[in-house]
Amino acid sequence: TNVTAVASHPGYSNTKLQSKVGGFQGWMMRYIANPLFAQSSVKGALPNLYAAVTPDLAPGSYVGPSKMGELCGSPQPNAAKSTLAQDEALANKLWQTSEQLTGVLLDVDA
């Protein structure tokens, strides 16, 4: 089977997640940040859909919104990756921990 691993993020989308944040921070998110900066949840889903259905994405692509520091906008296939996201030693540790916690060992060629 030909499988390509890619990742995506929705940016800052107005969802019910913000209602779970309490206190002053939650109030600021719901009444200040969401109206000023958040895109709709439908638009937030677009990078995820783009990553799922675009056949020619390069392995390891990271898809996210294209505007306002990747908070909103049309999907782009070259979203910024943090230093931690590019740390191979940390990725290996995450993989090993996942195998230990799930009890599933996968023989994957790098």
C-alpha atoms as a PDB file:
ATOM      1  CA  THR A   1       0.000   0.000   0.000  1.00  0.00           C
ATOM      2  CA  ASN A   2       1.223   3.498  -0.765  1.00  0.00           C
ATOM      3  CA  VAL A   3       0.674   5.684   2.271  1.00  0.00           C
ATOM      4  CA  THR A   4       1.941   9.229   2.704  1.00  0.00           C
ATOM      5  CA  ALA A   5       2.133  10.669   6.224  1.00  0.00           C
ATOM      6  CA  VAL A   6       1.178  14.338   6.485  1.00  0.00           C
ATOM      7  CA  ALA A   7      -0.067  16.534   9.322  1.00  0.00           C
ATOM      8  CA  SER A   8      -2.345  19.550   9.573  1.00  0.00           C
ATOM      9  CA  HIS A   9      -3.681  22.140  11.975  1.00  0.00           C
ATOM     10  CA  PRO A  10      -6.887  24.204  11.891  1.00  0.00           C
ATOM     11  CA  GLY A  11      -5.442  27.543  12.960  1.00  0.00           C
ATOM     12  CA  TYR A  12      -7.581  29.563  15.357  1.00  0.00           C
ATOM     13  CA  SER A  13     -11.144  28.437  14.797  1.00  0.00           C
ATOM     14  CA  ASN A  14     -14.256  29.437  16.686  1.00  0.00           C
ATOM     15  CA  THR A  15     -15.363  26.136  18.194  1.00  0.00           C
ATOM     16  CA  LYS A  16     -16.885  25.064  21.478  1.00  0.00           C
ATOM     17  CA  LEU A  17     -13.382  24.314  22.784  1.00  0.00           C
ATOM     18  CA  GLN A  18     -13.030  27.927  23.918  1.00  0.00           C
ATOM     19  CA  SER A  19     -16.123  27.525  26.126  1.00  0.00           C
ATOM     20  CA  LYS A  20     -14.157  24.977  28.198  1.00  0.00           C
ATOM     21  CA  VAL A  21     -11.551  27.553  29.250  1.00  0.00           C
ATOM     22  CA  GLY A  22     -12.511  29.158  32.542  1.00  0.00           C
ATOM     23  CA  GLY A  23     -11.814  32.422  34.272  1.00  0.00           C
ATOM     24  CA  PHE A  24     -10.573  35.627  32.737  1.00  0.00           C
ATOM     25  CA  GLN A  25      -8.667  33.798  29.982  1.00  0.00           C
ATOM     26  CA  GLY A  26     -11.845  32.046  28.856  1.00  0.00           C
ATOM     27  CA  TRP A  27     -13.798  35.302  28.907  1.00  0.00           C
ATOM     28  CA  MET A  28     -11.081  36.986  26.799  1.00  0.00           C
ATOM     29  CA  MET A  29     -11.118  34.146  24.284  1.00  0.00           C
ATOM     30  CA  ARG A  30     -14.901  34.066  23.912  1.00  0.00           C
ATOM     31  CA  TYR A  31     -15.625  37.798  23.841  1.00  0.00           C
ATOM     32  CA  ILE A  32     -12.440  39.406  22.502  1.00  0.00           C
ATOM     33  CA  ALA A  33     -10.184  36.953  20.639  1.00  0.00           C
ATOM     34  CA  ASN A  34     -12.892  34.895  18.908  1.00  0.00           C
ATOM     35  CA  PRO A  35     -14.743  37.845  17.366  1.00  0.00           C
ATOM     36  CA  LEU A  36     -11.506  39.554  16.295  1.00  0.00           C
ATOM     37  CA  PHE A  37      -9.301  36.674  15.150  1.00  0.00           C
ATOM     38  CA  ALA A  38     -11.087  33.322  14.940  1.00  0.00           C
ATOM     39  CA  GLN A  39     -12.265  31.864  11.673  1.00  0.00           C
ATOM     40  CA  SER A  40     -15.380  29.692  11.485  1.00  0.00           C
ATOM     41  CA  SER A  41     -15.103  26.034  12.418  1.00  0.00           C
ATOM     42  CA  VAL A  42     -15.948  25.189   8.799  1.00  0.00           C
ATOM     43  CA  LYS A  43     -12.942  27.177   7.549  1.00  0.00           C
ATOM     44  CA  GLY A  44     -10.837  25.628  10.299  1.00  0.00           C
ATOM     45  CA  ALA A  45     -11.624  22.177   8.893  1.00  0.00           C
ATOM     46  CA  LEU A  46     -10.233  23.062   5.452  1.00  0.00           C
ATOM     47  CA  PRO A  47      -6.518  22.406   6.181  1.00  0.00           C
ATOM     48  CA  ASN A  48      -7.415  18.981   7.594  1.00  0.00           C
ATOM     49  CA  LEU A  49      -9.526  18.150   4.543  1.00  0.00           C
ATOM     50  CA  TYR A  50      -6.823  19.458   2.203  1.00  0.00           C
ATOM     51  CA  ALA A  51      -4.243  17.239   3.885  1.00  0.00           C
ATOM     52  CA  ALA A  52      -6.557  14.229   3.665  1.00  0.00           C
ATOM     53  CA  VAL A  53      -7.509  14.471  -0.007  1.00  0.00           C
ATOM     54  CA  THR A  54      -4.608  16.170  -1.842  1.00  0.00           C
ATOM     55  CA  PRO A  55      -2.790  13.312  -3.595  1.00  0.00           C
ATOM     56  CA  ASP A  56       0.482  15.071  -4.425  1.00  0.00           C
ATOM     57  CA  LEU A  57       1.503  16.305  -0.967  1.00  0.00           C
ATOM     58  CA  ALA A  58       5.090  15.457  -0.126  1.00  0.00           C
ATOM     59  CA  PRO A  59       5.653  13.051   2.793  1.00  0.00           C
ATOM     60  CA  GLY A  60       6.040  15.035   5.997  1.00  0.00           C
ATOM     61  CA  SER A  61       4.041  18.010   4.708  1.00  0.00           C
ATOM     62  CA  TYR A  62       2.374  20.167   7.336  1.00  0.00           C
ATOM     63  CA  VAL A  63      -0.784  21.941   6.179  1.00  0.00           C
ATOM     64  CA  GLY A  64      -2.226  24.979   7.929  1.00  0.00           C
ATOM     65  CA  PRO A  65      -3.953  28.293   7.265  1.00  0.00           C
ATOM     66  CA  SER A  66      -2.122  30.841   5.124  1.00  0.00           C
ATOM     67  CA  LYS A  67      -2.848  34.194   6.814  1.00  0.00           C
ATOM     68  CA  MET A  68      -2.265  36.080  10.077  1.00  0.00           C
ATOM     69  CA  GLY A  69       0.547  33.867  11.318  1.00  0.00           C
ATOM     70  CA  GLU A  70      -1.375  30.738  10.311  1.00  0.00           C
ATOM     71  CA  LEU A  71      -4.394  31.665  12.430  1.00  0.00           C
ATOM     72  CA  CYS A  72      -6.799  31.753   9.485  1.00  0.00           C
ATOM     73  CA  GLY A  73      -7.021  31.620   5.704  1.00  0.00           C
ATOM     74  CA  SER A  74      -6.876  29.117   2.892  1.00  0.00           C
ATOM     75  CA  PRO A  75      -4.906  25.913   3.394  1.00  0.00           C
ATOM     76  CA  GLN A  76      -1.194  26.007   2.552  1.00  0.00           C
ATOM     77  CA  PRO A  77       0.941  22.876   2.320  1.00  0.00           C
ATOM     78  CA  ASN A  78       4.054  24.448   3.822  1.00  0.00           C
ATOM     79  CA  ALA A  79       2.949  25.537   7.272  1.00  0.00           C
ATOM     80  CA  ALA A  80       5.738  26.406   9.700  1.00  0.00           C
ATOM     81  CA  LYS A  81       7.076  23.554  11.802  1.00  0.00           C
ATOM     82  CA  SER A  82       8.416  24.274  15.264  1.00  0.00           C
ATOM     83  CA  THR A  83      11.898  23.176  16.268  1.00  0.00           C
ATOM     84  CA  LEU A  84      10.352  20.505  18.503  1.00  0.00           C
ATOM     85  CA  ALA A  85       8.286  19.169  15.600  1.00  0.00           C
ATOM     86  CA  GLN A  86      11.516  18.613  13.648  1.00  0.00           C
ATOM     87  CA  ASP A  87      13.433  16.920  16.485  1.00  0.00           C
ATOM     88  CA  GLU A  88      14.080  13.328  15.344  1.00  0.00           C
ATOM     89  CA  ALA A  89      15.232  12.156  18.787  1.00  0.00           C
ATOM     90  CA  LEU A  90      11.994  13.434  20.329  1.00  0.00           C
ATOM     91  CA  ALA A  91       9.985  11.805  17.516  1.00  0.00           C
ATOM     92  CA  ASN A  92      11.679   8.460  18.216  1.00  0.00           C
ATOM     93  CA  LYS A  93      10.935   8.801  21.937  1.00  0.00           C
ATOM     94  CA  LEU A  94       7.270   9.551  21.173  1.00  0.00           C
ATOM     95  CA  TRP A  95       7.093   6.528  18.867  1.00  0.00           C
ATOM     96  CA  GLN A  96       8.646   4.222  21.494  1.00  0.00           C
ATOM     97  CA  THR A  97       6.360   5.563  24.229  1.00  0.00           C
ATOM     98  CA  SER A  98       3.328   5.067  21.973  1.00  0.00           C
ATOM     99  CA  GLU A  99       4.350   1.466  21.317  1.00  0.00           C
ATOM    100  CA  GLN A 100       4.828   0.833  25.041  1.00  0.00           C
ATOM    101  CA  LEU A 101       1.492   2.376  26.020  1.00  0.00           C
ATOM    102  CA  THR A 102      -0.513   0.652  23.292  1.00  0.00           C
ATOM    103  CA  GLY A 103       1.337  -2.648  23.211  1.00  0.00           C
ATOM    104  CA  VAL A 104       1.429  -2.391  19.410  1.00  0.00           C
ATOM    105  CA  LEU A 105       4.803  -2.740  17.735  1.00  0.00           C
ATOM    106  CA  LEU A 106       5.040  -1.576  14.148  1.00  0.00           C
ATOM    107  CA  ASP A 107       7.864  -2.534  11.838  1.00  0.00           C
ATOM    108  CA  VAL A 108       8.171   0.628   9.769  1.00  0.00           C
ATOM    109  CA  ASP A 109      10.962   1.401   7.354  1.00  0.00           C
ATOM    110  CA  ALA A 110      12.268   4.928   7.873  1.00  0.00           C
END
